Full PDB file with SEQRES, HELIX, SHEET, SSBOND, CRYST1, ORIGX, SCALE, CONECT and MASTER records, all heavy atoms in Angstrom:
SEQRES   1 A   34  ASN PRO ARG PRO GLN VAL ASN PHE VAL GLU TRP ASP GLY          
SEQRES   2 A   34  LEU VAL ARG LEU CYS PHE GLY ARG LYS ASN LYS THR LEU          
SEQRES   3 A   34  ASN ALA ILE PHE ASN THR LYS LEU                              
HELIX    1 AA1 PHE A    8  PHE A   19  1                                  12    
HELIX    2 AA2 LEU A   26  ILE A   29  1                                   4    
CRYST1    1.000    1.000    1.000  90.00  90.00  90.00 P 1           1          
ORIGX1      1.000000  0.000000  0.000000        0.00000                         
ORIGX2      0.000000  1.000000  0.000000        0.00000                         
ORIGX3      0.000000  0.000000  1.000000        0.00000                         
SCALE1      1.000000  0.000000  0.000000        0.00000                         
SCALE2      0.000000  1.000000  0.000000        0.00000                         
SCALE3      0.000000  0.000000  1.000000        0.00000                         
ATOM      1  N   ASN A   1       0.852  -1.184   0.000  1.00  0.00           N  
ATOM      2  CA  ASN A   1       0.000   0.000   0.000  1.00  0.00           C  
ATOM      3  C   ASN A   1       0.890   1.238   0.000  1.00  0.00           C  
ATOM      4  O   ASN A   1       1.642   1.450   0.948  1.00  0.00           O  
ATOM      5  CB  ASN A   1      -0.913  -0.007   1.224  1.00  0.00           C  
ATOM      6  CG  ASN A   1      -1.937   1.107   1.200  1.00  0.00           C  
ATOM      7  OD1 ASN A   1      -2.208   1.681   0.148  1.00  0.00           O  
ATOM      8  ND2 ASN A   1      -2.506   1.425   2.348  1.00  0.00           N  
ATOM      9  N   PRO A   2       0.847   2.035  -1.093  1.00  0.00           N  
ATOM     10  CA  PRO A   2      -0.028   1.915  -2.268  1.00  0.00           C  
ATOM     11  C   PRO A   2       0.450   0.811  -3.213  1.00  0.00           C  
ATOM     12  O   PRO A   2       1.607   0.382  -3.147  1.00  0.00           O  
ATOM     13  CB  PRO A   2       0.103   3.285  -2.923  1.00  0.00           C  
ATOM     14  CG  PRO A   2       1.485   3.735  -2.562  1.00  0.00           C  
ATOM     15  CD  PRO A   2       1.719   3.228  -1.164  1.00  0.00           C  
ATOM     16  N   ARG A   3      -0.449   0.399  -4.087  1.00  0.00           N  
ATOM     17  CA  ARG A   3      -0.086  -0.603  -5.070  1.00  0.00           C  
ATOM     18  C   ARG A   3       0.852  -0.006  -6.115  1.00  0.00           C  
ATOM     19  O   ARG A   3       0.785   1.180  -6.412  1.00  0.00           O  
ATOM     20  CB  ARG A   3      -1.352  -1.125  -5.773  1.00  0.00           C  
ATOM     21  CG  ARG A   3      -2.273  -1.927  -4.871  1.00  0.00           C  
ATOM     22  CD  ARG A   3      -3.463  -2.430  -5.649  1.00  0.00           C  
ATOM     23  NE  ARG A   3      -4.358  -3.210  -4.804  1.00  0.00           N  
ATOM     24  CZ  ARG A   3      -5.481  -3.775  -5.234  1.00  0.00           C  
ATOM     25  NH1 ARG A   3      -5.843  -3.635  -6.495  1.00  0.00           N  
ATOM     26  NH2 ARG A   3      -6.230  -4.477  -4.401  1.00  0.00           N  
ATOM     27  N   PRO A   4       1.716  -0.836  -6.698  1.00  0.00           N  
ATOM     28  CA  PRO A   4       2.604  -0.345  -7.757  1.00  0.00           C  
ATOM     29  C   PRO A   4       1.801   0.200  -8.934  1.00  0.00           C  
ATOM     30  O   PRO A   4       0.773  -0.371  -9.315  1.00  0.00           O  
ATOM     31  CB  PRO A   4       3.401  -1.591  -8.165  1.00  0.00           C  
ATOM     32  CG  PRO A   4       3.292  -2.511  -6.998  1.00  0.00           C  
ATOM     33  CD  PRO A   4       1.951  -2.251  -6.382  1.00  0.00           C  
ATOM     34  N   GLN A   5       2.268   1.306  -9.497  1.00  0.00           N  
ATOM     35  CA  GLN A   5       1.586   1.908 -10.637  1.00  0.00           C  
ATOM     36  C   GLN A   5       2.077   1.238 -11.918  1.00  0.00           C  
ATOM     37  O   GLN A   5       2.967   1.727 -12.613  1.00  0.00           O  
ATOM     38  CB  GLN A   5       1.857   3.418 -10.670  1.00  0.00           C  
ATOM     39  CG  GLN A   5       1.301   4.168  -9.478  1.00  0.00           C  
ATOM     40  CD  GLN A   5      -0.216   4.014  -9.363  1.00  0.00           C  
ATOM     41  OE1 GLN A   5      -0.962   4.292 -10.309  1.00  0.00           O  
ATOM     42  NE2 GLN A   5      -0.681   3.575  -8.201  1.00  0.00           N  
ATOM     43  N   VAL A   6       1.503   0.081 -12.206  1.00  0.00           N  
ATOM     44  CA  VAL A   6       1.903  -0.680 -13.383  1.00  0.00           C  
ATOM     45  C   VAL A   6       0.684  -1.410 -13.933  1.00  0.00           C  
ATOM     46  O   VAL A   6      -0.208  -1.813 -13.171  1.00  0.00           O  
ATOM     47  CB  VAL A   6       3.022  -1.701 -13.022  1.00  0.00           C  
ATOM     48  CG1 VAL A   6       2.524  -2.695 -11.979  1.00  0.00           C  
ATOM     49  CG2 VAL A   6       3.537  -2.434 -14.253  1.00  0.00           C  
ATOM     50  N   ASN A   7       0.633  -1.523 -15.250  1.00  0.00           N  
ATOM     51  CA  ASN A   7      -0.409  -2.308 -15.900  1.00  0.00           C  
ATOM     52  C   ASN A   7      -0.081  -3.779 -15.670  1.00  0.00           C  
ATOM     53  O   ASN A   7       0.838  -4.320 -16.288  1.00  0.00           O  
ATOM     54  CB  ASN A   7      -0.447  -1.986 -17.401  1.00  0.00           C  
ATOM     55  CG  ASN A   7      -1.534  -2.760 -18.145  1.00  0.00           C  
ATOM     56  OD1 ASN A   7      -1.895  -3.874 -17.765  1.00  0.00           O  
ATOM     57  ND2 ASN A   7      -2.037  -2.177 -19.210  1.00  0.00           N  
ATOM     58  N   PHE A   8      -0.824  -4.434 -14.778  1.00  0.00           N  
ATOM     59  CA  PHE A   8      -0.457  -5.795 -14.387  1.00  0.00           C  
ATOM     60  C   PHE A   8      -0.589  -6.778 -15.544  1.00  0.00           C  
ATOM     61  O   PHE A   8       0.196  -7.728 -15.655  1.00  0.00           O  
ATOM     62  CB  PHE A   8      -1.307  -6.278 -13.207  1.00  0.00           C  
ATOM     63  CG  PHE A   8      -0.920  -7.659 -12.737  1.00  0.00           C  
ATOM     64  CD1 PHE A   8       0.231  -7.853 -11.986  1.00  0.00           C  
ATOM     65  CD2 PHE A   8      -1.675  -8.765 -13.074  1.00  0.00           C  
ATOM     66  CE1 PHE A   8       0.618  -9.127 -11.578  1.00  0.00           C  
ATOM     67  CE2 PHE A   8      -1.302 -10.041 -12.664  1.00  0.00           C  
ATOM     68  CZ  PHE A   8      -0.151 -10.215 -11.918  1.00  0.00           C  
ATOM     69  N   VAL A   9      -1.561  -6.566 -16.419  1.00  0.00           N  
ATOM     70  CA  VAL A   9      -1.720  -7.479 -17.560  1.00  0.00           C  
ATOM     71  C   VAL A   9      -0.481  -7.434 -18.446  1.00  0.00           C  
ATOM     72  O   VAL A   9       0.036  -8.464 -18.880  1.00  0.00           O  
ATOM     73  CB  VAL A   9      -2.984  -7.111 -18.376  1.00  0.00           C  
ATOM     74  CG1 VAL A   9      -3.081  -7.982 -19.632  1.00  0.00           C  
ATOM     75  CG2 VAL A   9      -4.233  -7.272 -17.527  1.00  0.00           C  
ATOM     76  N   GLU A  10       0.023  -6.224 -18.684  1.00  0.00           N  
ATOM     77  CA  GLU A  10       1.225  -6.102 -19.509  1.00  0.00           C  
ATOM     78  C   GLU A  10       2.458  -6.628 -18.763  1.00  0.00           C  
ATOM     79  O   GLU A  10       3.323  -7.282 -19.346  1.00  0.00           O  
ATOM     80  CB  GLU A  10       1.435  -4.647 -19.915  1.00  0.00           C  
ATOM     81  CG  GLU A  10       2.624  -4.484 -20.827  1.00  0.00           C  
ATOM     82  CD  GLU A  10       2.654  -3.170 -21.576  1.00  0.00           C  
ATOM     83  OE1 GLU A  10       1.884  -2.255 -21.224  1.00  0.00           O  
ATOM     84  OE2 GLU A  10       3.462  -3.069 -22.503  1.00  0.00           O  
ATOM     85  N   TRP A  11       2.538  -6.302 -17.478  1.00  0.00           N  
ATOM     86  CA  TRP A  11       3.636  -6.829 -16.646  1.00  0.00           C  
ATOM     87  C   TRP A  11       3.679  -8.351 -16.728  1.00  0.00           C  
ATOM     88  O   TRP A  11       4.732  -8.956 -16.950  1.00  0.00           O  
ATOM     89  CB  TRP A  11       3.443  -6.370 -15.204  1.00  0.00           C  
ATOM     90  CG  TRP A  11       4.282  -7.075 -14.185  1.00  0.00           C  
ATOM     91  CD1 TRP A  11       4.014  -8.289 -13.604  1.00  0.00           C  
ATOM     92  CD2 TRP A  11       5.535  -6.651 -13.632  1.00  0.00           C  
ATOM     93  NE1 TRP A  11       5.010  -8.630 -12.715  1.00  0.00           N  
ATOM     94  CE2 TRP A  11       5.957  -7.638 -12.717  1.00  0.00           C  
ATOM     95  CE3 TRP A  11       6.321  -5.518 -13.809  1.00  0.00           C  
ATOM     96  CZ2 TRP A  11       7.126  -7.539 -11.976  1.00  0.00           C  
ATOM     97  CZ3 TRP A  11       7.503  -5.416 -13.073  1.00  0.00           C  
ATOM     98  CH2 TRP A  11       7.904  -6.408 -12.175  1.00  0.00           C  
ATOM     99  N   ASP A  12       2.529  -8.980 -16.551  1.00  0.00           N  
ATOM    100  CA  ASP A  12       2.474 -10.441 -16.574  1.00  0.00           C  
ATOM    101  C   ASP A  12       2.813 -10.984 -17.957  1.00  0.00           C  
ATOM    102  O   ASP A  12       3.389 -12.063 -18.077  1.00  0.00           O  
ATOM    103  CB  ASP A  12       1.086 -10.923 -16.137  1.00  0.00           C  
ATOM    104  CG  ASP A  12       1.001 -12.435 -16.038  1.00  0.00           C  
ATOM    105  OD1 ASP A  12       1.868 -13.033 -15.365  1.00  0.00           O  
ATOM    106  OD2 ASP A  12       0.095 -13.021 -16.645  1.00  0.00           O  
ATOM    107  N   GLY A  13       2.454 -10.236 -19.007  1.00  0.00           N  
ATOM    108  CA  GLY A  13       2.820 -10.661 -20.353  1.00  0.00           C  
ATOM    109  C   GLY A  13       4.324 -10.744 -20.527  1.00  0.00           C  
ATOM    110  O   GLY A  13       4.855 -11.705 -21.110  1.00  0.00           O  
ATOM    111  N   LEU A  14       5.043  -9.748 -20.004  1.00  0.00           N  
ATOM    112  CA  LEU A  14       6.505  -9.764 -20.067  1.00  0.00           C  
ATOM    113  C   LEU A  14       7.077 -10.890 -19.212  1.00  0.00           C  
ATOM    114  O   LEU A  14       7.945 -11.653 -19.665  1.00  0.00           O  
ATOM    115  CB  LEU A  14       7.053  -8.416 -19.597  1.00  0.00           C  
ATOM    116  CG  LEU A  14       8.574  -8.347 -19.369  1.00  0.00           C  
ATOM    117  CD1 LEU A  14       9.312  -8.561 -20.686  1.00  0.00           C  
ATOM    118  CD2 LEU A  14       8.961  -7.021 -18.726  1.00  0.00           C  
ATOM    119  N   VAL A  15       6.603 -11.003 -17.981  1.00  0.00           N  
ATOM    120  CA  VAL A  15       7.141 -12.014 -17.059  1.00  0.00           C  
ATOM    121  C   VAL A  15       6.858 -13.418 -17.581  1.00  0.00           C  
ATOM    122  O   VAL A  15       7.721 -14.314 -17.502  1.00  0.00           O  
ATOM    123  CB  VAL A  15       6.549 -11.816 -15.650  1.00  0.00           C  
ATOM    124  CG1 VAL A  15       6.979 -12.949 -14.726  1.00  0.00           C  
ATOM    125  CG2 VAL A  15       6.989 -10.470 -15.073  1.00  0.00           C  
ATOM    126  N   ARG A  16       5.667 -13.630 -18.112  1.00  0.00           N  
ATOM    127  CA  ARG A  16       5.316 -14.950 -18.666  1.00  0.00           C  
ATOM    128  C   ARG A  16       6.292 -15.322 -19.792  1.00  0.00           C  
ATOM    129  O   ARG A  16       6.770 -16.454 -19.876  1.00  0.00           O  
ATOM    130  CB  ARG A  16       3.883 -14.926 -19.196  1.00  0.00           C  
ATOM    131  CG  ARG A  16       3.397 -16.277 -19.751  1.00  0.00           C  
ATOM    132  CD  ARG A  16       2.132 -16.069 -20.563  1.00  0.00           C  
ATOM    133  NE  ARG A  16       1.054 -15.531 -19.767  1.00  0.00           N  
ATOM    134  CZ  ARG A  16       0.143 -16.277 -19.141  1.00  0.00           C  
ATOM    135  NH1 ARG A  16       0.198 -17.596 -19.232  1.00  0.00           N  
ATOM    136  NH2 ARG A  16      -0.826 -15.710 -18.456  1.00  0.00           N  
ATOM    137  N   LEU A  17       6.572 -14.354 -20.658  1.00  0.00           N  
ATOM    138  CA  LEU A  17       7.487 -14.591 -21.771  1.00  0.00           C  
ATOM    139  C   LEU A  17       8.896 -14.918 -21.262  1.00  0.00           C  
ATOM    140  O   LEU A  17       9.540 -15.869 -21.717  1.00  0.00           O  
ATOM    141  CB  LEU A  17       7.532 -13.356 -22.673  1.00  0.00           C  
ATOM    142  CG  LEU A  17       8.454 -13.411 -23.897  1.00  0.00           C  
ATOM    143  CD1 LEU A  17       8.038 -14.544 -24.825  1.00  0.00           C  
ATOM    144  CD2 LEU A  17       8.407 -12.083 -24.633  1.00  0.00           C  
ATOM    145  N   CYS A  18       9.357 -14.156 -20.295  1.00  0.00           N  
ATOM    146  CA  CYS A  18      10.710 -14.356 -19.765  1.00  0.00           C  
ATOM    147  C   CYS A  18      10.868 -15.693 -19.053  1.00  0.00           C  
ATOM    148  O   CYS A  18      11.913 -16.349 -19.153  1.00  0.00           O  
ATOM    149  CB  CYS A  18      11.069 -13.213 -18.816  1.00  0.00           C  
ATOM    150  SG  CYS A  18      11.313 -11.619 -19.628  1.00  0.00           S  
ATOM    151  N   PHE A  19       9.829 -16.130 -18.324  1.00  0.00           N  
ATOM    152  CA  PHE A  19       9.951 -17.369 -17.550  1.00  0.00           C  
ATOM    153  C   PHE A  19       9.556 -18.598 -18.351  1.00  0.00           C  
ATOM    154  O   PHE A  19       9.585 -19.714 -17.826  1.00  0.00           O  
ATOM    155  CB  PHE A  19       9.136 -17.266 -16.261  1.00  0.00           C  
ATOM    156  CG  PHE A  19       9.892 -16.591 -15.148  1.00  0.00           C  
ATOM    157  CD1 PHE A  19       9.787 -15.229 -14.956  1.00  0.00           C  
ATOM    158  CD2 PHE A  19      10.742 -17.311 -14.322  1.00  0.00           C  
ATOM    159  CE1 PHE A  19      10.498 -14.588 -13.955  1.00  0.00           C  
ATOM    160  CE2 PHE A  19      11.462 -16.689 -13.321  1.00  0.00           C  
ATOM    161  CZ  PHE A  19      11.344 -15.311 -13.130  1.00  0.00           C  
ATOM    162  N   GLY A  20       9.205 -18.398 -19.623  1.00  0.00           N  
ATOM    163  CA  GLY A  20       8.987 -19.560 -20.476  1.00  0.00           C  
ATOM    164  C   GLY A  20      10.269 -20.367 -20.630  1.00  0.00           C  
ATOM    165  O   GLY A  20      10.252 -21.589 -20.766  1.00  0.00           O  
ATOM    166  N   ARG A  21      11.405 -19.637 -20.593  1.00  0.00           N  
ATOM    167  CA  ARG A  21      12.732 -20.291 -20.615  1.00  0.00           C  
ATOM    168  C   ARG A  21      13.629 -19.492 -19.667  1.00  0.00           C  
ATOM    169  O   ARG A  21      14.527 -18.771 -20.095  1.00  0.00           O  
ATOM    170  CB  ARG A  21      13.301 -20.295 -22.034  1.00  0.00           C  
ATOM    171  CG  ARG A  21      12.476 -21.092 -23.042  1.00  0.00           C  
ATOM    172  CD  ARG A  21      13.194 -21.236 -24.368  1.00  0.00           C  
ATOM    173  NE  ARG A  21      13.452 -19.941 -25.000  1.00  0.00           N  
ATOM    174  CZ  ARG A  21      14.299 -19.765 -26.013  1.00  0.00           C  
ATOM    175  NH1 ARG A  21      15.007 -20.792 -26.466  1.00  0.00           N  
ATOM    176  NH2 ARG A  21      14.459 -18.569 -26.550  1.00  0.00           N  
ATOM    177  N   LYS A  22      13.385 -19.655 -18.389  1.00  0.00           N  
ATOM    178  CA  LYS A  22      13.961 -18.733 -17.406  1.00  0.00           C  
ATOM    179  C   LYS A  22      15.478 -18.811 -17.288  1.00  0.00           C  
ATOM    180  O   LYS A  22      16.103 -17.883 -16.791  1.00  0.00           O  
ATOM    181  CB  LYS A  22      13.319 -18.957 -16.034  1.00  0.00           C  
ATOM    182  CG  LYS A  22      13.717 -20.248 -15.327  1.00  0.00           C  
ATOM    183  CD  LYS A  22      13.127 -20.283 -13.923  1.00  0.00           C  
ATOM    184  CE  LYS A  22      13.595 -21.491 -13.136  1.00  0.00           C  
ATOM    185  NZ  LYS A  22      13.083 -21.480 -11.745  1.00  0.00           N  
ATOM    186  N   ASN A  23      16.090 -19.924 -17.728  1.00  0.00           N  
ATOM    187  CA  ASN A  23      17.536 -20.052 -17.612  1.00  0.00           C  
ATOM    188  C   ASN A  23      18.269 -19.682 -18.901  1.00  0.00           C  
ATOM    189  O   ASN A  23      19.501 -19.777 -18.967  1.00  0.00           O  
ATOM    190  CB  ASN A  23      17.911 -21.473 -17.182  1.00  0.00           C  
ATOM    191  CG  ASN A  23      17.492 -21.755 -15.748  1.00  0.00           C  
ATOM    192  OD1 ASN A  23      17.683 -20.923 -14.863  1.00  0.00           O  
ATOM    193  ND2 ASN A  23      16.886 -22.912 -15.518  1.00  0.00           N  
ATOM    194  N   LYS A  24      17.530 -19.264 -19.922  1.00  0.00           N  
ATOM    195  CA  LYS A  24      18.137 -18.733 -21.135  1.00  0.00           C  
ATOM    196  C   LYS A  24      18.425 -17.243 -20.935  1.00  0.00           C  
ATOM    197  O   LYS A  24      17.795 -16.574 -20.108  1.00  0.00           O  
ATOM    198  CB  LYS A  24      17.195 -18.911 -22.323  1.00  0.00           C  
ATOM    199  CG  LYS A  24      16.912 -20.360 -22.699  1.00  0.00           C  
ATOM    200  CD  LYS A  24      18.118 -21.011 -23.353  1.00  0.00           C  
ATOM    201  CE  LYS A  24      17.797 -22.409 -23.851  1.00  0.00           C  
ATOM    202  NZ  LYS A  24      18.968 -23.046 -24.506  1.00  0.00           N  
ATOM    203  N   THR A  25      19.361 -16.703 -21.706  1.00  0.00           N  
ATOM    204  CA  THR A  25      19.600 -15.267 -21.634  1.00  0.00           C  
ATOM    205  C   THR A  25      18.435 -14.529 -22.275  1.00  0.00           C  
ATOM    206  O   THR A  25      17.727 -15.077 -23.135  1.00  0.00           O  
ATOM    207  CB  THR A  25      20.892 -14.879 -22.368  1.00  0.00           C  
ATOM    208  OG1 THR A  25      20.739 -15.153 -23.772  1.00  0.00           O  
ATOM    209  CG2 THR A  25      22.090 -15.643 -21.806  1.00  0.00           C  
ATOM    210  N   LEU A  26      18.214 -13.298 -21.865  1.00  0.00           N  
ATOM    211  CA  LEU A  26      17.138 -12.514 -22.469  1.00  0.00           C  
ATOM    212  C   LEU A  26      17.391 -12.307 -23.955  1.00  0.00           C  
ATOM    213  O   LEU A  26      16.443 -12.249 -24.758  1.00  0.00           O  
ATOM    214  CB  LEU A  26      17.011 -11.160 -21.763  1.00  0.00           C  
ATOM    215  CG  LEU A  26      16.547 -11.193 -20.303  1.00  0.00           C  
ATOM    216  CD1 LEU A  26      16.287  -9.773 -19.797  1.00  0.00           C  
ATOM    217  CD2 LEU A  26      15.303 -12.043 -20.122  1.00  0.00           C  
ATOM    218  N   ASN A  27      18.655 -12.191 -24.352  1.00  0.00           N  
ATOM    219  CA  ASN A  27      18.980 -12.041 -25.757  1.00  0.00           C  
ATOM    220  C   ASN A  27      18.487 -13.251 -26.553  1.00  0.00           C  
ATOM    221  O   ASN A  27      17.933 -13.109 -27.644  1.00  0.00           O  
ATOM    222  CB  ASN A  27      20.491 -11.881 -25.931  1.00  0.00           C  
ATOM    223  CG  ASN A  27      20.862 -11.423 -27.324  1.00  0.00           C  
ATOM    224  OD1 ASN A  27      20.348 -10.426 -27.818  1.00  0.00           O  
ATOM    225  ND2 ASN A  27      21.755 -12.164 -27.973  1.00  0.00           N  
ATOM    226  N   ALA A  28      18.643 -14.446 -25.988  1.00  0.00           N  
ATOM    227  CA  ALA A  28      18.183 -15.662 -26.655  1.00  0.00           C  
ATOM    228  C   ALA A  28      16.656 -15.734 -26.678  1.00  0.00           C  
ATOM    229  O   ALA A  28      16.050 -16.120 -27.684  1.00  0.00           O  
ATOM    230  CB  ALA A  28      18.756 -16.893 -25.955  1.00  0.00           C  
ATOM    231  N   ILE A  29      16.017 -15.333 -25.599  1.00  0.00           N  
ATOM    232  CA  ILE A  29      14.551 -15.389 -25.521  1.00  0.00           C  
ATOM    233  C   ILE A  29      13.907 -14.450 -26.535  1.00  0.00           C  
ATOM    234  O   ILE A  29      12.973 -14.819 -27.253  1.00  0.00           O  
ATOM    235  CB  ILE A  29      14.083 -15.037 -24.098  1.00  0.00           C  
ATOM    236  CG1 ILE A  29      14.495 -16.127 -23.109  1.00  0.00           C  
ATOM    237  CG2 ILE A  29      12.568 -14.822 -24.056  1.00  0.00           C  
ATOM    238  CD1 ILE A  29      14.231 -15.777 -21.650  1.00  0.00           C  
ATOM    239  N   PHE A  30      14.432 -13.220 -26.618  1.00  0.00           N  
ATOM    240  CA  PHE A  30      13.785 -12.206 -27.453  1.00  0.00           C  
ATOM    241  C   PHE A  30      14.240 -12.232 -28.908  1.00  0.00           C  
ATOM    242  O   PHE A  30      13.782 -11.412 -29.698  1.00  0.00           O  
ATOM    243  CB  PHE A  30      14.012 -10.818 -26.848  1.00  0.00           C  
ATOM    244  CG  PHE A  30      13.148 -10.533 -25.659  1.00  0.00           C  
ATOM    245  CD1 PHE A  30      13.611 -10.759 -24.372  1.00  0.00           C  
ATOM    246  CD2 PHE A  30      11.853 -10.068 -25.817  1.00  0.00           C  
ATOM    247  CE1 PHE A  30      12.809 -10.507 -23.270  1.00  0.00           C  
ATOM    248  CE2 PHE A  30      11.043  -9.827 -24.730  1.00  0.00           C  
ATOM    249  CZ  PHE A  30      11.519 -10.045 -23.449  1.00  0.00           C  
ATOM    250  N   ASN A  31      15.106 -13.165 -29.271  1.00  0.00           N  
ATOM    251  CA  ASN A  31      15.562 -13.241 -30.654  1.00  0.00           C  
ATOM    252  C   ASN A  31      15.016 -14.452 -31.398  1.00  0.00           C  
ATOM    253  O   ASN A  31      15.458 -14.748 -32.502  1.00  0.00           O  
ATOM    254  CB  ASN A  31      17.093 -13.243 -30.720  1.00  0.00           C  
ATOM    255  CG  ASN A  31      17.649 -11.836 -30.823  1.00  0.00           C  
ATOM    256  OD1 ASN A  31      17.478 -11.158 -31.837  1.00  0.00           O  
ATOM    257  ND2 ASN A  31      18.291 -11.381 -29.766  1.00  0.00           N  
ATOM    258  N   THR A  32      14.052 -15.134 -30.810  1.00  0.00           N  
ATOM    259  CA  THR A  32      13.398 -16.221 -31.543  1.00  0.00           C  
ATOM    260  C   THR A  32      12.411 -15.630 -32.546  1.00  0.00           C  
ATOM    261  O   THR A  32      11.867 -14.540 -32.340  1.00  0.00           O  
ATOM    262  CB  THR A  32      12.646 -17.165 -30.590  1.00  0.00           C  
ATOM    263  OG1 THR A  32      11.592 -16.446 -29.957  1.00  0.00           O  
ATOM    264  CG2 THR A  32      13.587 -17.730 -29.526  1.00  0.00           C  
ATOM    265  N   LYS A  33      12.170 -16.334 -33.622  1.00  0.00           N  
ATOM    266  CA  LYS A  33      11.279 -15.838 -34.669  1.00  0.00           C  
ATOM    267  C   LYS A  33       9.867 -15.587 -34.134  1.00  0.00           C  
ATOM    268  O   LYS A  33       9.216 -14.597 -34.493  1.00  0.00           O  
ATOM    269  CB  LYS A  33      11.230 -16.836 -35.825  1.00  0.00           C  
ATOM    270  CG  LYS A  33      12.519 -16.926 -36.625  1.00  0.00           C  
ATOM    271  CD  LYS A  33      12.362 -17.897 -37.798  1.00  0.00           C  
ATOM    272  CE  LYS A  33      13.657 -17.948 -38.624  1.00  0.00           C  
ATOM    273  NZ  LYS A  33      13.527 -18.898 -39.771  1.00  0.00           N  
ATOM    274  N   LEU A  34       9.402 -16.491 -33.274  1.00  0.00           N  
ATOM    275  CA  LEU A  34       8.048 -16.370 -32.749  1.00  0.00           C  
ATOM    276  C   LEU A  34       7.894 -15.113 -31.901  1.00  0.00           C  
ATOM    277  O   LEU A  34       6.913 -14.370 -32.040  1.00  0.00           O  
ATOM    278  CB  LEU A  34       7.702 -17.610 -31.913  1.00  0.00           C  
ATOM    279  CG  LEU A  34       6.261 -17.706 -31.398  1.00  0.00           C  
ATOM    280  CD1 LEU A  34       5.292 -17.777 -32.575  1.00  0.00           C  
ATOM    281  CD2 LEU A  34       6.101 -18.931 -30.499  1.00  0.00           C  
TER     282      LEU A  34                                                      
MASTER        0    0    0    2    0    0    0    6  281    1    0    3          
END                                                                             
């Protein structure tokens, strides 16, 4: 309290993507074609 000023849906979209392969580097995660 107060709650963080962040769009939680978008936050979760980023976190979900990152933890799909949590032990890969971010460079590897964000450079896939998909």
